[in-house]
N, C-alpha and C. Protein backbone atom coordinates (compact mmCIF):
# COMPACT_ATOMS: atom_id res chain seq x y z
N MET A 1 121.82 87.56 112.91
CA MET A 1 121.23 88.88 112.77
C MET A 1 120.11 88.80 111.72
N ALA A 2 119.01 89.42 112.03
CA ALA A 2 117.85 89.42 111.14
C ALA A 2 117.77 90.76 110.40
N HIS A 3 117.31 90.69 109.16
CA HIS A 3 117.15 91.88 108.33
C HIS A 3 115.67 92.25 108.25
N PHE A 4 115.41 93.56 108.16
CA PHE A 4 114.05 94.07 108.14
C PHE A 4 113.94 95.19 107.11
N LEU A 5 112.80 95.26 106.46
CA LEU A 5 112.46 96.39 105.61
C LEU A 5 111.61 97.33 106.45
N PHE A 6 112.03 98.57 106.56
CA PHE A 6 111.32 99.59 107.33
C PHE A 6 110.78 100.61 106.35
N GLN A 7 109.46 100.85 106.38
CA GLN A 7 108.82 101.83 105.50
C GLN A 7 108.02 102.79 106.37
N TRP A 8 108.01 104.06 105.99
CA TRP A 8 107.31 105.04 106.81
C TRP A 8 106.79 106.19 105.97
N THR A 9 105.79 106.86 106.53
CA THR A 9 105.33 108.15 106.00
C THR A 9 105.43 109.15 107.14
N TYR A 10 105.91 110.33 106.80
CA TYR A 10 106.06 111.39 107.79
C TYR A 10 104.73 112.09 108.05
N THR A 11 104.58 112.65 109.22
CA THR A 11 103.43 113.51 109.51
C THR A 11 103.63 114.82 108.75
N ASP A 12 102.55 115.56 108.54
CA ASP A 12 102.65 116.87 107.88
C ASP A 12 103.58 117.79 108.67
N ARG A 13 103.51 117.72 109.97
CA ARG A 13 104.36 118.55 110.84
C ARG A 13 105.85 118.23 110.63
N ALA A 14 106.16 116.95 110.50
CA ALA A 14 107.55 116.54 110.28
C ALA A 14 108.04 117.02 108.91
N ILE A 15 107.20 116.92 107.89
CA ILE A 15 107.60 117.38 106.55
C ILE A 15 107.85 118.88 106.57
N LYS A 16 106.98 119.63 107.23
CA LYS A 16 107.18 121.09 107.34
C LYS A 16 108.49 121.39 108.04
N ALA A 17 108.80 120.67 109.10
CA ALA A 17 110.06 120.90 109.82
C ALA A 17 111.27 120.63 108.93
N MET A 18 111.20 119.59 108.09
CA MET A 18 112.31 119.27 107.20
C MET A 18 112.44 120.31 106.08
N LEU A 19 111.31 120.88 105.64
CA LEU A 19 111.37 121.93 104.63
C LEU A 19 111.93 123.22 105.21
N ASP A 20 111.54 123.52 106.44
CA ASP A 20 112.04 124.72 107.11
C ASP A 20 113.53 124.60 107.41
N LYS A 21 113.97 123.38 107.75
CA LYS A 21 115.37 123.14 108.10
C LYS A 21 115.75 121.74 107.61
N PRO A 22 116.33 121.63 106.40
CA PRO A 22 116.73 120.31 105.90
C PRO A 22 117.63 119.59 106.91
N GLN A 23 117.43 118.28 107.00
CA GLN A 23 118.07 117.49 108.05
C GLN A 23 118.65 116.19 107.51
N ASP A 24 119.57 115.64 108.27
CA ASP A 24 120.15 114.33 107.95
C ASP A 24 119.29 113.24 108.60
N ARG A 25 118.19 112.88 107.94
CA ARG A 25 117.28 111.89 108.52
C ARG A 25 117.92 110.50 108.54
N ALA A 26 118.76 110.18 107.56
CA ALA A 26 119.45 108.89 107.57
C ALA A 26 120.33 108.78 108.81
N GLY A 27 121.02 109.85 109.15
CA GLY A 27 121.87 109.85 110.34
C GLY A 27 121.07 109.70 111.62
N GLU A 28 119.89 110.31 111.65
CA GLU A 28 119.03 110.20 112.84
C GLU A 28 118.51 108.77 112.99
N LEU A 29 118.11 108.16 111.87
CA LEU A 29 117.66 106.76 111.94
C LEU A 29 118.81 105.88 112.40
N ARG A 30 120.00 106.14 111.88
CA ARG A 30 121.18 105.34 112.25
C ARG A 30 121.41 105.40 113.76
N LYS A 31 121.26 106.57 114.37
CA LYS A 31 121.44 106.69 115.83
C LYS A 31 120.48 105.78 116.58
N ALA A 32 119.21 105.80 116.17
CA ALA A 32 118.20 104.99 116.86
C ALA A 32 118.48 103.50 116.67
N VAL A 33 118.76 103.10 115.44
CA VAL A 33 118.99 101.68 115.14
C VAL A 33 120.23 101.16 115.87
N GLU A 34 121.31 101.91 115.84
CA GLU A 34 122.54 101.47 116.50
C GLU A 34 122.40 101.40 118.01
N ALA A 35 121.53 102.22 118.59
CA ALA A 35 121.30 102.16 120.04
C ALA A 35 120.73 100.81 120.46
N PHE A 36 120.07 100.11 119.53
CA PHE A 36 119.50 98.80 119.81
C PHE A 36 120.35 97.67 119.21
N GLY A 37 121.60 97.96 118.91
CA GLY A 37 122.51 96.95 118.39
C GLY A 37 122.34 96.65 116.92
N GLY A 38 121.62 97.52 116.21
CA GLY A 38 121.35 97.28 114.80
C GLY A 38 122.25 98.05 113.87
N LYS A 39 121.97 97.88 112.58
CA LYS A 39 122.74 98.54 111.53
C LYS A 39 121.80 98.96 110.41
N VAL A 40 122.02 100.16 109.88
CA VAL A 40 121.28 100.62 108.70
C VAL A 40 122.10 100.25 107.48
N HIS A 41 121.56 99.37 106.63
CA HIS A 41 122.26 98.98 105.41
C HIS A 41 121.95 99.92 104.26
N GLN A 42 120.71 100.35 104.16
CA GLN A 42 120.28 101.26 103.09
C GLN A 42 119.23 102.21 103.64
N PHE A 43 119.22 103.43 103.15
CA PHE A 43 118.21 104.43 103.50
C PHE A 43 117.86 105.17 102.22
N PHE A 44 116.57 105.27 101.94
CA PHE A 44 116.11 106.01 100.76
C PHE A 44 114.87 106.82 101.11
N PHE A 45 114.81 108.04 100.60
CA PHE A 45 113.54 108.75 100.55
C PHE A 45 112.84 108.17 99.32
N SER A 46 111.51 108.18 99.33
CA SER A 46 110.81 107.59 98.20
C SER A 46 109.59 108.42 97.82
N ILE A 47 109.15 108.22 96.60
CA ILE A 47 107.95 108.87 96.09
C ILE A 47 106.95 107.76 95.84
N GLY A 48 105.80 107.85 96.48
CA GLY A 48 104.79 106.81 96.34
C GLY A 48 104.05 106.62 97.64
N ALA A 49 103.75 105.39 97.96
CA ALA A 49 102.96 105.09 99.16
C ALA A 49 103.70 105.45 100.45
N TYR A 50 105.03 105.45 100.42
CA TYR A 50 105.83 105.75 101.61
C TYR A 50 106.79 106.89 101.31
N ASP A 51 107.15 107.63 102.34
CA ASP A 51 108.11 108.73 102.20
C ASP A 51 109.54 108.25 102.29
N GLY A 52 109.73 107.07 102.87
CA GLY A 52 111.08 106.54 103.01
C GLY A 52 111.07 105.04 103.23
N VAL A 53 112.19 104.42 102.86
CA VAL A 53 112.40 102.99 103.10
C VAL A 53 113.84 102.78 103.55
N ALA A 54 114.04 101.78 104.38
CA ALA A 54 115.38 101.45 104.83
C ALA A 54 115.48 99.94 105.03
N VAL A 55 116.66 99.41 104.78
CA VAL A 55 116.95 98.01 105.10
C VAL A 55 117.81 98.04 106.36
N LEU A 56 117.28 97.42 107.40
CA LEU A 56 117.91 97.43 108.72
C LEU A 56 118.29 96.01 109.13
N GLU A 57 119.26 95.92 110.02
CA GLU A 57 119.66 94.62 110.58
C GLU A 57 119.70 94.77 112.09
N PHE A 58 119.11 93.80 112.78
CA PHE A 58 119.10 93.78 114.24
C PHE A 58 119.55 92.41 114.72
N PRO A 59 120.08 92.36 115.95
CA PRO A 59 120.51 91.06 116.48
C PRO A 59 119.35 90.10 116.71
N ASP A 60 118.13 90.64 116.91
CA ASP A 60 116.96 89.79 117.14
C ASP A 60 115.69 90.61 116.92
N ILE A 61 114.56 89.93 116.91
CA ILE A 61 113.28 90.60 116.65
C ILE A 61 112.92 91.56 117.78
N GLU A 62 113.24 91.20 119.02
CA GLU A 62 112.93 92.07 120.15
C GLU A 62 113.64 93.42 120.03
N SER A 63 114.88 93.42 119.59
CA SER A 63 115.62 94.68 119.40
C SER A 63 114.96 95.53 118.32
N CYS A 64 114.53 94.88 117.25
CA CYS A 64 113.82 95.60 116.19
C CYS A 64 112.52 96.19 116.71
N ALA A 65 111.77 95.40 117.48
CA ALA A 65 110.50 95.88 118.02
C ALA A 65 110.72 97.07 118.96
N ALA A 66 111.76 97.00 119.77
CA ALA A 66 112.04 98.10 120.70
C ALA A 66 112.39 99.37 119.94
N CYS A 67 113.19 99.25 118.90
CA CYS A 67 113.54 100.40 118.07
C CYS A 67 112.30 100.96 117.39
N ASN A 68 111.47 100.07 116.86
CA ASN A 68 110.23 100.49 116.20
C ASN A 68 109.34 101.27 117.17
N LEU A 69 109.23 100.79 118.40
CA LEU A 69 108.43 101.50 119.41
C LEU A 69 109.02 102.88 119.70
N THR A 70 110.33 102.96 119.78
CA THR A 70 110.99 104.25 120.02
C THR A 70 110.68 105.23 118.90
N LEU A 71 110.78 104.77 117.66
CA LEU A 71 110.51 105.64 116.52
C LEU A 71 109.03 106.04 116.47
N ALA A 72 108.14 105.10 116.74
CA ALA A 72 106.71 105.41 116.74
C ALA A 72 106.39 106.41 117.85
N GLY A 73 107.01 106.22 119.00
CA GLY A 73 106.75 107.11 120.13
C GLY A 73 107.23 108.53 119.92
N ALA A 74 108.18 108.72 119.00
CA ALA A 74 108.69 110.06 118.73
C ALA A 74 107.65 110.93 118.02
N GLY A 75 106.70 110.30 117.35
CA GLY A 75 105.59 111.03 116.75
C GLY A 75 105.84 111.68 115.40
N ALA A 76 106.98 111.43 114.76
CA ALA A 76 107.27 112.07 113.48
C ALA A 76 106.69 111.30 112.29
N ASN A 77 106.32 110.04 112.51
CA ASN A 77 105.80 109.22 111.42
C ASN A 77 104.30 109.00 111.57
N ARG A 78 103.60 109.17 110.47
CA ARG A 78 102.16 108.90 110.46
C ARG A 78 101.93 107.39 110.39
N THR A 79 102.75 106.71 109.59
CA THR A 79 102.67 105.25 109.49
C THR A 79 104.08 104.67 109.52
N GLN A 80 104.19 103.45 110.01
CA GLN A 80 105.44 102.70 110.01
C GLN A 80 105.09 101.25 109.71
N LEU A 81 105.89 100.63 108.90
CA LEU A 81 105.69 99.22 108.57
C LEU A 81 107.04 98.53 108.64
N ILE A 82 107.11 97.45 109.39
CA ILE A 82 108.33 96.65 109.50
C ILE A 82 108.03 95.28 108.89
N THR A 83 108.89 94.83 107.99
CA THR A 83 108.75 93.53 107.35
C THR A 83 110.03 92.73 107.57
N LEU A 84 109.90 91.54 108.12
CA LEU A 84 111.05 90.64 108.29
C LEU A 84 111.49 90.16 106.92
N LEU A 85 112.78 90.25 106.65
CA LEU A 85 113.32 89.80 105.37
C LEU A 85 114.07 88.49 105.56
N LEU A 86 113.93 87.59 104.61
CA LEU A 86 114.65 86.32 104.63
C LEU A 86 115.69 86.33 103.51
N SER A 87 116.88 85.86 103.80
CA SER A 87 117.89 85.70 102.77
C SER A 87 117.43 84.58 101.83
N PRO A 88 118.02 84.48 100.65
CA PRO A 88 117.67 83.35 99.78
C PRO A 88 117.86 82.00 100.47
N ALA A 89 118.93 81.87 101.26
CA ALA A 89 119.17 80.60 101.96
C ALA A 89 118.09 80.35 103.01
N GLU A 90 117.69 81.40 103.74
CA GLU A 90 116.62 81.23 104.74
C GLU A 90 115.30 80.90 104.07
N GLY A 91 115.01 81.54 102.95
CA GLY A 91 113.79 81.23 102.20
C GLY A 91 113.79 79.80 101.71
N HIS A 92 114.93 79.35 101.20
CA HIS A 92 115.06 77.97 100.73
C HIS A 92 114.87 76.99 101.88
N GLY A 93 115.47 77.30 103.02
CA GLY A 93 115.30 76.45 104.20
C GLY A 93 113.84 76.37 104.63
N ALA A 94 113.14 77.51 104.57
CA ALA A 94 111.72 77.51 104.92
C ALA A 94 110.91 76.65 103.95
N MET A 95 111.26 76.73 102.66
CA MET A 95 110.57 75.91 101.66
C MET A 95 110.81 74.42 101.93
N GLN A 96 112.05 74.08 102.25
CA GLN A 96 112.35 72.67 102.55
C GLN A 96 111.60 72.19 103.78
N THR A 97 111.58 72.99 104.84
CA THR A 97 110.86 72.61 106.05
C THR A 97 109.38 72.46 105.78
N ALA A 98 108.81 73.41 105.01
CA ALA A 98 107.38 73.34 104.69
C ALA A 98 107.06 72.11 103.86
N SER A 99 107.95 71.76 102.92
CA SER A 99 107.68 70.60 102.07
C SER A 99 107.82 69.28 102.81
N GLN A 100 108.55 69.27 103.92
CA GLN A 100 108.78 68.04 104.67
C GLN A 100 107.90 67.91 105.91
N THR A 101 107.11 68.93 106.21
CA THR A 101 106.29 68.92 107.42
C THR A 101 104.83 68.66 107.05
N ARG A 102 104.25 67.67 107.68
CA ARG A 102 102.84 67.33 107.44
C ARG A 102 102.02 67.90 108.60
N THR A 103 101.19 68.88 108.29
CA THR A 103 100.43 69.57 109.35
C THR A 103 98.98 69.11 109.45
N GLY A 104 98.43 68.58 108.39
CA GLY A 104 97.01 68.24 108.38
C GLY A 104 96.13 69.44 108.07
N TYR A 105 96.75 70.59 107.82
CA TYR A 105 96.00 71.82 107.52
C TYR A 105 95.23 71.65 106.22
N GLN A 106 93.96 72.13 106.21
CA GLN A 106 93.14 72.12 105.00
C GLN A 106 92.73 73.55 104.68
N PRO A 107 92.97 74.00 103.45
CA PRO A 107 92.55 75.36 103.08
C PRO A 107 91.03 75.45 103.00
N PRO A 108 90.49 76.67 103.06
CA PRO A 108 89.03 76.82 103.02
C PRO A 108 88.41 76.32 101.72
N VAL A 109 89.11 76.40 100.61
CA VAL A 109 88.58 75.95 99.32
C VAL A 109 88.63 74.42 99.29
N GLY A 110 87.50 73.81 99.04
CA GLY A 110 87.41 72.36 98.99
C GLY A 110 87.34 71.70 100.37
N TYR A 111 87.17 72.51 101.40
CA TYR A 111 87.13 71.99 102.76
C TYR A 111 85.75 71.39 103.04
N SER A 112 85.72 70.25 103.67
CA SER A 112 84.44 69.68 104.08
C SER A 112 84.46 69.50 105.59
N TRP A 113 83.40 69.92 106.23
CA TRP A 113 83.27 69.85 107.69
C TRP A 113 83.23 68.39 108.10
N PRO A 114 84.01 68.03 109.12
CA PRO A 114 83.95 66.63 109.57
C PRO A 114 82.52 66.28 110.02
N SER A 115 82.06 65.14 109.58
CA SER A 115 80.71 64.74 109.96
C SER A 115 80.67 64.37 111.44
N VAL A 116 79.56 64.74 112.08
CA VAL A 116 79.39 64.44 113.51
C VAL A 116 78.75 63.05 113.58
N GLY A 117 79.39 62.19 114.30
CA GLY A 117 78.99 60.81 114.29
C GLY A 117 78.13 60.45 115.40
């Protein structure tokens, strides 16, 4: 199961609706996520760049993408951002793989164009 950070901002219309009638938005997110085999680990409203953040878990990336499309299609969010999260063990594994893999990649800084012979 993969973990994801979900961040969103509500539309003005959605905020007005919540002010007119306070709602259980965490419960509504939970319904959508669970329909795609996922789980909501954390849900927070936030003050700052986003109106809310949640840590979600899905069986695979496709399930997460399908849920994200469903939420976007509902039209209540002005912006949505999904970030794949790696556990410390997964991050360590990625570091080990990167350190052991020779790609031949050259960064733009200090790069010299191969001479044409």
